[in-house]
Amino acid sequence: MKKTVLTTAIVLALASFAFAAEGAPAAGGLSDSVKVAIAIAAGFGIAIAAAFGALSQAKGLSTALDGIARNPAASGKIVTPMIIGLAMIESLVIYSLVISLMLVLKL
């Protein structure tokens, strides 16, 4: 019961800050808090894309090298699709970079 009351009191105390009236932004402009949120979202977006892109490229490369190690004669048939797959994964990270730059430069 005490936790519920304490949580409710904290939420109500912080709500006053959330509903505090700020000066209206200029016509068509964004408030400072929205600009900060967009910058943080762009940073997290590119960080997540780069992290998971690197993990997926490592997994693809590891699997391709494992296949070549098991059957060296098939290296010609494995390398070309591997390179194409790595390029496709990298293009997704580049798209994320472009979207993040578009968001940040919109500020």
N, C-alpha and C. Protein backbone atom coordinates (compact mmCIF):
# COMPACT_ATOMS: atom_id res chain seq x y z
N MET A 1 0.81 -1.19 0.00
CA MET A 1 0.00 0.00 0.00
C MET A 1 0.86 1.26 0.00
N LYS A 2 1.94 1.22 0.80
CA LYS A 2 2.82 2.39 0.88
C LYS A 2 3.49 2.67 -0.46
N LYS A 3 3.86 1.58 -1.18
CA LYS A 3 4.51 1.77 -2.49
C LYS A 3 3.56 2.44 -3.47
N THR A 4 2.30 2.05 -3.43
CA THR A 4 1.31 2.63 -4.35
C THR A 4 1.11 4.12 -4.06
N VAL A 5 1.03 4.46 -2.81
CA VAL A 5 0.85 5.86 -2.42
C VAL A 5 2.07 6.67 -2.80
N LEU A 6 3.25 6.12 -2.54
CA LEU A 6 4.48 6.82 -2.88
C LEU A 6 4.61 7.00 -4.39
N THR A 7 4.30 5.96 -5.15
CA THR A 7 4.36 6.05 -6.60
C THR A 7 3.38 7.08 -7.13
N THR A 8 2.17 7.09 -6.59
CA THR A 8 1.16 8.06 -7.01
C THR A 8 1.61 9.48 -6.68
N ALA A 9 2.19 9.67 -5.53
CA ALA A 9 2.67 11.01 -5.14
C ALA A 9 3.78 11.48 -6.07
N ILE A 10 4.70 10.57 -6.42
CA ILE A 10 5.79 10.94 -7.32
C ILE A 10 5.26 11.29 -8.70
N VAL A 11 4.32 10.48 -9.20
CA VAL A 11 3.75 10.74 -10.52
C VAL A 11 3.02 12.07 -10.53
N LEU A 12 2.24 12.36 -9.50
CA LEU A 12 1.53 13.64 -9.45
C LEU A 12 2.48 14.82 -9.30
N ALA A 13 3.56 14.64 -8.56
CA ALA A 13 4.53 15.72 -8.42
C ALA A 13 5.24 16.00 -9.74
N LEU A 14 5.56 14.96 -10.48
CA LEU A 14 6.24 15.15 -11.76
C LEU A 14 5.28 15.60 -12.86
N ALA A 15 4.01 15.33 -12.69
CA ALA A 15 3.03 15.73 -13.70
C ALA A 15 2.96 17.24 -13.83
N SER A 16 3.18 17.95 -12.73
CA SER A 16 3.13 19.41 -12.80
C SER A 16 4.21 19.95 -13.73
N PHE A 17 5.36 19.29 -13.77
CA PHE A 17 6.40 19.72 -14.70
C PHE A 17 6.00 19.41 -16.14
N ALA A 18 5.34 18.29 -16.33
CA ALA A 18 4.94 17.90 -17.68
C ALA A 18 3.89 18.84 -18.25
N PHE A 19 3.00 19.32 -17.39
CA PHE A 19 1.93 20.18 -17.86
C PHE A 19 2.24 21.66 -17.73
N ALA A 20 3.42 22.00 -17.29
CA ALA A 20 3.78 23.40 -17.16
C ALA A 20 3.78 24.04 -18.54
N ALA A 21 3.22 25.22 -18.61
CA ALA A 21 3.08 25.89 -19.90
C ALA A 21 4.42 26.50 -20.31
N GLU A 22 4.85 26.16 -21.51
CA GLU A 22 6.04 26.78 -22.08
C GLU A 22 5.58 27.83 -23.07
N GLY A 23 6.49 28.72 -23.41
CA GLY A 23 6.17 29.67 -24.45
C GLY A 23 5.94 28.93 -25.76
N ALA A 24 5.01 29.40 -26.52
CA ALA A 24 4.70 28.73 -27.78
C ALA A 24 5.88 28.88 -28.74
N PRO A 25 6.25 27.80 -29.45
CA PRO A 25 7.34 27.92 -30.41
C PRO A 25 6.94 28.82 -31.57
N ALA A 26 7.93 29.32 -32.25
CA ALA A 26 7.67 30.17 -33.40
C ALA A 26 6.84 29.39 -34.42
N ALA A 27 6.18 30.11 -35.27
CA ALA A 27 5.32 29.47 -36.27
C ALA A 27 6.11 28.45 -37.08
N GLY A 28 5.68 27.21 -37.03
CA GLY A 28 6.36 26.16 -37.78
C GLY A 28 7.62 25.65 -37.12
N GLY A 29 8.00 26.23 -35.98
CA GLY A 29 9.23 25.81 -35.31
C GLY A 29 8.96 24.70 -34.32
N LEU A 30 10.01 24.07 -33.87
CA LEU A 30 9.90 23.00 -32.90
C LEU A 30 10.39 23.50 -31.55
N SER A 31 9.78 23.00 -30.48
CA SER A 31 10.24 23.38 -29.15
C SER A 31 11.59 22.72 -28.87
N ASP A 32 12.26 23.20 -27.86
CA ASP A 32 13.58 22.66 -27.52
C ASP A 32 13.51 21.21 -27.09
N SER A 33 12.47 20.85 -26.36
CA SER A 33 12.36 19.46 -25.91
C SER A 33 12.15 18.51 -27.08
N VAL A 34 11.43 18.96 -28.09
CA VAL A 34 11.22 18.12 -29.28
C VAL A 34 12.53 17.98 -30.05
N LYS A 35 13.30 19.05 -30.12
CA LYS A 35 14.59 18.98 -30.80
C LYS A 35 15.53 18.01 -30.10
N VAL A 36 15.54 18.05 -28.78
CA VAL A 36 16.38 17.13 -28.02
C VAL A 36 15.92 15.69 -28.24
N ALA A 37 14.61 15.47 -28.23
CA ALA A 37 14.08 14.12 -28.44
C ALA A 37 14.44 13.60 -29.83
N ILE A 38 14.37 14.45 -30.84
CA ILE A 38 14.72 14.04 -32.20
C ILE A 38 16.21 13.71 -32.29
N ALA A 39 17.05 14.51 -31.66
CA ALA A 39 18.49 14.24 -31.68
C ALA A 39 18.82 12.93 -30.98
N ILE A 40 18.17 12.68 -29.85
CA ILE A 40 18.42 11.43 -29.12
C ILE A 40 17.91 10.25 -29.94
N ALA A 41 16.75 10.39 -30.55
CA ALA A 41 16.20 9.30 -31.36
C ALA A 41 17.10 9.00 -32.56
N ALA A 42 17.64 10.04 -33.18
CA ALA A 42 18.55 9.83 -34.32
C ALA A 42 19.82 9.12 -33.85
N GLY A 43 20.34 9.51 -32.72
CA GLY A 43 21.53 8.85 -32.18
C GLY A 43 21.29 7.39 -31.85
N PHE A 44 20.17 7.11 -31.17
CA PHE A 44 19.85 5.73 -30.85
C PHE A 44 19.59 4.92 -32.12
N GLY A 45 18.94 5.54 -33.10
CA GLY A 45 18.64 4.82 -34.34
C GLY A 45 19.89 4.37 -35.06
N ILE A 46 20.86 5.25 -35.20
CA ILE A 46 22.08 4.87 -35.91
C ILE A 46 22.91 3.90 -35.06
N ALA A 47 22.88 4.05 -33.74
CA ALA A 47 23.63 3.13 -32.87
C ALA A 47 23.05 1.72 -32.95
N ILE A 48 21.74 1.61 -32.91
CA ILE A 48 21.11 0.29 -33.00
C ILE A 48 21.34 -0.33 -34.37
N ALA A 49 21.19 0.48 -35.43
CA ALA A 49 21.41 -0.05 -36.78
C ALA A 49 22.85 -0.52 -36.97
N ALA A 50 23.80 0.26 -36.47
CA ALA A 50 25.20 -0.13 -36.62
C ALA A 50 25.51 -1.38 -35.81
N ALA A 51 24.97 -1.48 -34.61
CA ALA A 51 25.25 -2.64 -33.77
C ALA A 51 24.68 -3.92 -34.38
N PHE A 52 23.41 -3.88 -34.76
CA PHE A 52 22.81 -5.09 -35.31
C PHE A 52 23.31 -5.38 -36.73
N GLY A 53 23.69 -4.34 -37.47
CA GLY A 53 24.30 -4.57 -38.77
C GLY A 53 25.64 -5.28 -38.64
N ALA A 54 26.43 -4.85 -37.66
CA ALA A 54 27.73 -5.49 -37.43
C ALA A 54 27.55 -6.94 -36.96
N LEU A 55 26.58 -7.16 -36.10
CA LEU A 55 26.33 -8.53 -35.63
C LEU A 55 25.88 -9.45 -36.78
N SER A 56 24.99 -8.94 -37.62
CA SER A 56 24.52 -9.77 -38.73
C SER A 56 25.61 -10.00 -39.78
N GLN A 57 26.45 -9.01 -40.01
CA GLN A 57 27.56 -9.21 -40.93
C GLN A 57 28.55 -10.23 -40.37
N ALA A 58 28.80 -10.16 -39.07
CA ALA A 58 29.71 -11.13 -38.46
C ALA A 58 29.14 -12.53 -38.55
N LYS A 59 27.84 -12.68 -38.33
CA LYS A 59 27.21 -14.00 -38.43
C LYS A 59 27.27 -14.52 -39.87
N GLY A 60 26.99 -13.66 -40.84
CA GLY A 60 27.05 -14.08 -42.24
C GLY A 60 28.45 -14.46 -42.67
N LEU A 61 29.43 -13.67 -42.27
CA LEU A 61 30.82 -13.96 -42.61
C LEU A 61 31.29 -15.24 -41.93
N SER A 62 30.91 -15.42 -40.67
CA SER A 62 31.30 -16.62 -39.96
C SER A 62 30.72 -17.88 -40.62
N THR A 63 29.46 -17.80 -41.01
CA THR A 63 28.82 -18.94 -41.66
C THR A 63 29.44 -19.24 -43.02
N ALA A 64 29.75 -18.18 -43.77
CA ALA A 64 30.37 -18.39 -45.08
C ALA A 64 31.76 -19.00 -44.93
N LEU A 65 32.54 -18.51 -43.99
CA LEU A 65 33.88 -19.07 -43.79
C LEU A 65 33.82 -20.50 -43.27
N ASP A 66 32.81 -20.79 -42.47
CA ASP A 66 32.63 -22.17 -42.00
C ASP A 66 32.30 -23.08 -43.18
N GLY A 67 31.47 -22.60 -44.09
CA GLY A 67 31.14 -23.39 -45.29
C GLY A 67 32.35 -23.60 -46.19
N ILE A 68 33.18 -22.57 -46.33
CA ILE A 68 34.39 -22.70 -47.15
C ILE A 68 35.38 -23.65 -46.49
N ALA A 69 35.46 -23.61 -45.16
CA ALA A 69 36.37 -24.50 -44.45
C ALA A 69 35.94 -25.95 -44.59
N ARG A 70 34.65 -26.19 -44.63
CA ARG A 70 34.16 -27.56 -44.77
C ARG A 70 34.32 -28.07 -46.20
N ASN A 71 34.17 -27.15 -47.18
CA ASN A 71 34.25 -27.56 -48.58
C ASN A 71 34.97 -26.47 -49.37
N PRO A 72 36.30 -26.51 -49.42
CA PRO A 72 37.06 -25.46 -50.10
C PRO A 72 36.73 -25.35 -51.60
N ALA A 73 36.27 -26.40 -52.21
CA ALA A 73 35.94 -26.35 -53.63
C ALA A 73 34.72 -25.46 -53.91
N ALA A 74 33.89 -25.23 -52.90
CA ALA A 74 32.69 -24.42 -53.08
C ALA A 74 32.93 -22.95 -52.78
N SER A 75 34.16 -22.54 -52.59
CA SER A 75 34.43 -21.15 -52.20
C SER A 75 33.96 -20.16 -53.27
N GLY A 76 34.08 -20.51 -54.52
CA GLY A 76 33.62 -19.62 -55.60
C GLY A 76 32.12 -19.40 -55.57
N LYS A 77 31.38 -20.45 -55.17
CA LYS A 77 29.93 -20.34 -55.11
C LYS A 77 29.46 -19.68 -53.82
N ILE A 78 30.32 -19.60 -52.84
CA ILE A 78 29.93 -19.02 -51.55
C ILE A 78 30.30 -17.54 -51.46
N VAL A 79 31.44 -17.17 -52.03
CA VAL A 79 31.96 -15.81 -51.84
C VAL A 79 31.07 -14.75 -52.49
N THR A 80 30.60 -15.00 -53.69
CA THR A 80 29.80 -13.98 -54.39
C THR A 80 28.49 -13.69 -53.66
N PRO A 81 27.69 -14.70 -53.30
CA PRO A 81 26.47 -14.38 -52.53
C PRO A 81 26.77 -13.77 -51.17
N MET A 82 27.91 -14.15 -50.57
CA MET A 82 28.28 -13.57 -49.28
C MET A 82 28.53 -12.07 -49.43
N ILE A 83 29.28 -11.69 -50.45
CA ILE A 83 29.58 -10.27 -50.67
C ILE A 83 28.29 -9.49 -50.94
N ILE A 84 27.40 -10.06 -51.73
CA ILE A 84 26.12 -9.39 -52.02
C ILE A 84 25.30 -9.25 -50.74
N GLY A 85 25.28 -10.31 -49.93
CA GLY A 85 24.54 -10.25 -48.66
C GLY A 85 25.12 -9.21 -47.71
N LEU A 86 26.44 -9.15 -47.62
CA LEU A 86 27.07 -8.14 -46.76
C LEU A 86 26.78 -6.72 -47.25
N ALA A 87 26.75 -6.55 -48.57
CA ALA A 87 26.42 -5.22 -49.12
C ALA A 87 24.98 -4.84 -48.81
N MET A 88 24.07 -5.82 -48.86
CA MET A 88 22.67 -5.53 -48.54
C MET A 88 22.51 -5.15 -47.07
N ILE A 89 23.21 -5.85 -46.19
CA ILE A 89 23.15 -5.52 -44.77
C ILE A 89 23.72 -4.12 -44.54
N GLU A 90 24.83 -3.81 -45.18
CA GLU A 90 25.44 -2.50 -45.01
C GLU A 90 24.54 -1.40 -45.57
N SER A 91 23.80 -1.70 -46.63
CA SER A 91 22.90 -0.68 -47.19
C SER A 91 21.80 -0.32 -46.20
N LEU A 92 21.34 -1.29 -45.40
CA LEU A 92 20.34 -0.97 -44.38
C LEU A 92 20.90 -0.03 -43.33
N VAL A 93 22.15 -0.21 -42.96
CA VAL A 93 22.79 0.69 -42.00
C VAL A 93 22.95 2.08 -42.61
N ILE A 94 23.29 2.14 -43.88
CA ILE A 94 23.43 3.43 -44.55
C ILE A 94 22.08 4.14 -44.65
N TYR A 95 20.98 3.38 -44.90
CA TYR A 95 19.65 3.98 -44.91
C TYR A 95 19.32 4.57 -43.54
N SER A 96 19.69 3.88 -42.49
CA SER A 96 19.47 4.40 -41.15
C SER A 96 20.27 5.67 -40.92
N LEU A 97 21.49 5.71 -41.42
CA LEU A 97 22.31 6.92 -41.31
C LEU A 97 21.65 8.08 -42.05
N VAL A 98 21.14 7.82 -43.23
CA VAL A 98 20.49 8.87 -44.02
C VAL A 98 19.25 9.40 -43.29
N ILE A 99 18.45 8.51 -42.74
CA ILE A 99 17.26 8.94 -42.01
C ILE A 99 17.64 9.73 -40.77
N SER A 100 18.67 9.29 -40.06
CA SER A 100 19.12 10.03 -38.88
C SER A 100 19.63 11.41 -39.25
N LEU A 101 20.37 11.50 -40.34
CA LEU A 101 20.85 12.82 -40.79
C LEU A 101 19.70 13.70 -41.22
N MET A 102 18.69 13.13 -41.87
CA MET A 102 17.53 13.91 -42.26
C MET A 102 16.81 14.47 -41.03
N LEU A 103 16.70 13.66 -39.98
CA LEU A 103 16.05 14.12 -38.75
C LEU A 103 16.85 15.23 -38.09
N VAL A 104 18.16 15.02 -37.98
CA VAL A 104 18.99 16.01 -37.30
C VAL A 104 19.08 17.32 -38.09
N LEU A 105 19.20 17.21 -39.39
CA LEU A 105 19.33 18.43 -40.20
C LEU A 105 17.99 19.17 -40.33
N LYS A 106 16.91 18.52 -39.98
CA LYS A 106 15.59 19.16 -40.00
C LYS A 106 15.44 20.12 -38.82
N LEU A 107 16.28 19.94 -37.81
CA LEU A 107 16.19 20.81 -36.63
C LEU A 107 16.56 22.20 -37.02
